[in-house]
Amino acid sequence: MREKKYTYLYMSPRYFYLLLDVQDLDKSKCPALTAQSLFEQVSRELFGTVGAPRVDILHSKNSQVIVRVEPLLLRKFRAALALSTQRIHVCREAPSLQALL
C-alpha cells in the first residue's frame, strides 16, 4: 500500500515591513530621501554595490520610517543595520503592513 504524500502550501509574504527609528532624520528637510541614501550607504559599506539589499521607503515622519524589504534580503538588511555606525533602531517588524500598523 502506498502512502499519500501531502504537500502543504505555506503562505509566504512577498515583503517584510519594518518601522525604524533614525536619530538624526528629523533635522533634514527631506527625510525620505535622506533615509533612502542612508540605507543605501549602510548596505553598500557591508555588501558592496552588487550585494546590497534594496529597500523601499513607504512613509517617513519625524525620525520614524516605514520601509519594505523582500524576504530574501531581510537578513542582509538587518545585518547592515546592526553593523552600521549610524543610530538606527528597529522598532517593529511584520510580514504585512496591516500587522505593522
Protein backbone atom coordinates (compact mmCIF):
# COMPACT_ATOMS: atom_id res chain seq x y z
CA MET A 1 0.00 0.00 0.00
CA ARG A 2 1.38 3.39 -0.99
CA GLU A 3 1.49 6.25 1.43
CA LYS A 4 -0.01 9.51 0.41
CA LYS A 5 2.30 12.45 0.45
CA TYR A 6 0.68 15.71 1.32
CA THR A 7 2.13 18.97 0.21
CA TYR A 8 1.31 21.97 2.28
CA LEU A 9 1.31 25.40 0.81
CA TYR A 10 2.55 27.90 3.30
CA MET A 11 1.69 31.50 2.78
CA SER A 12 4.98 33.30 2.48
CA PRO A 13 4.97 37.09 2.44
CA ARG A 14 6.20 38.96 -0.60
CA TYR A 15 7.67 41.70 1.57
CA PHE A 16 8.54 42.42 5.17
CA TYR A 17 7.76 45.79 6.69
CA LEU A 18 9.92 47.47 9.31
CA LEU A 19 9.34 50.51 11.46
CA LEU A 20 12.71 52.15 12.01
CA ASP A 21 13.76 54.99 14.27
CA VAL A 22 16.59 57.01 12.72
CA GLN A 23 18.06 59.51 15.19
CA ASP A 24 19.24 62.41 13.01
CA LEU A 25 16.47 62.21 10.42
CA ASP A 26 14.11 64.85 11.82
CA LYS A 27 16.66 67.63 11.21
CA SER A 28 16.72 67.17 7.44
CA LYS A 29 14.40 68.96 5.01
CA CYS A 30 13.51 65.83 3.03
CA PRO A 31 13.56 62.86 5.44
CA ALA A 32 12.53 60.22 2.86
CA LEU A 33 15.47 60.96 0.55
CA THR A 34 17.85 61.25 3.48
CA ALA A 35 16.70 57.87 4.82
CA GLN A 36 16.98 56.23 1.39
CA SER A 37 20.54 57.44 0.89
CA LEU A 38 21.44 56.46 4.45
CA PHE A 39 20.14 52.90 4.00
CA GLU A 40 21.95 52.56 0.66
CA GLN A 41 25.18 53.78 2.22
CA VAL A 42 24.88 51.41 5.20
CA SER A 43 24.14 48.43 2.94
CA ARG A 44 26.90 49.29 0.47
CA GLU A 45 29.51 49.51 3.24
CA LEU A 46 28.88 45.91 4.23
CA PHE A 47 27.89 44.16 0.98
CA GLY A 48 29.25 46.35 -1.82
CA THR A 49 27.24 47.65 -4.75
CA VAL A 50 26.20 44.26 -6.10
CA GLY A 51 25.04 42.53 -2.93
CA ALA A 52 23.35 45.47 -1.22
CA PRO A 53 19.67 44.87 -0.41
CA ARG A 54 17.08 47.15 -1.99
CA VAL A 55 14.82 48.99 0.43
CA ASP A 56 11.63 50.90 -0.38
CA ILE A 57 10.66 53.87 1.79
CA LEU A 58 6.89 53.86 2.27
CA HIS A 59 6.45 56.60 4.86
CA SER A 60 8.64 58.92 6.88
CA LYS A 61 7.64 61.30 9.62
CA ASN A 62 9.96 62.98 12.10
CA SER A 63 12.52 60.32 12.97
CA GLN A 64 10.41 57.24 12.15
CA VAL A 65 10.49 55.50 8.78
CA ILE A 66 8.43 52.59 7.42
CA VAL A 67 10.40 50.50 4.93
CA ARG A 68 9.60 47.49 2.75
CA VAL A 69 12.17 44.74 2.17
CA GLU A 70 11.99 41.50 0.21
CA PRO A 71 12.14 38.38 2.45
CA LEU A 72 15.36 37.06 0.93
CA LEU A 73 17.11 40.38 1.59
CA LEU A 74 15.75 40.96 5.09
CA ARG A 75 18.62 39.18 6.82
CA LYS A 76 21.17 41.20 4.85
CA PHE A 77 19.40 44.46 5.65
CA ARG A 78 19.17 43.66 9.37
CA ALA A 79 22.88 42.76 9.39
CA ALA A 80 23.75 46.04 7.69
CA LEU A 81 21.71 47.96 10.26
CA ALA A 82 23.29 46.11 13.16
CA LEU A 83 26.84 46.75 11.98
CA SER A 84 26.36 50.36 10.92
CA THR A 85 27.80 53.32 12.78
CA GLN A 86 24.55 55.25 12.36
CA ARG A 87 21.96 55.26 15.12
CA ILE A 88 19.16 53.22 13.54
CA HIS A 89 16.80 51.29 15.80
CA VAL A 90 14.31 48.67 14.57
CA CYS A 91 11.08 49.33 16.48
CA ARG A 92 8.84 46.72 14.85
CA GLU A 93 8.89 44.14 12.07
CA ALA A 94 5.91 42.44 10.44
CA PRO A 95 5.09 40.31 7.36
CA SER A 96 2.28 42.69 6.37
CA LEU A 97 1.75 46.41 6.54
CA GLN A 98 -1.54 45.94 8.37
CA ALA A 99 0.18 43.94 11.11
CA LEU A 100 2.85 46.62 11.46
CA LEU A 101 0.39 49.44 11.99
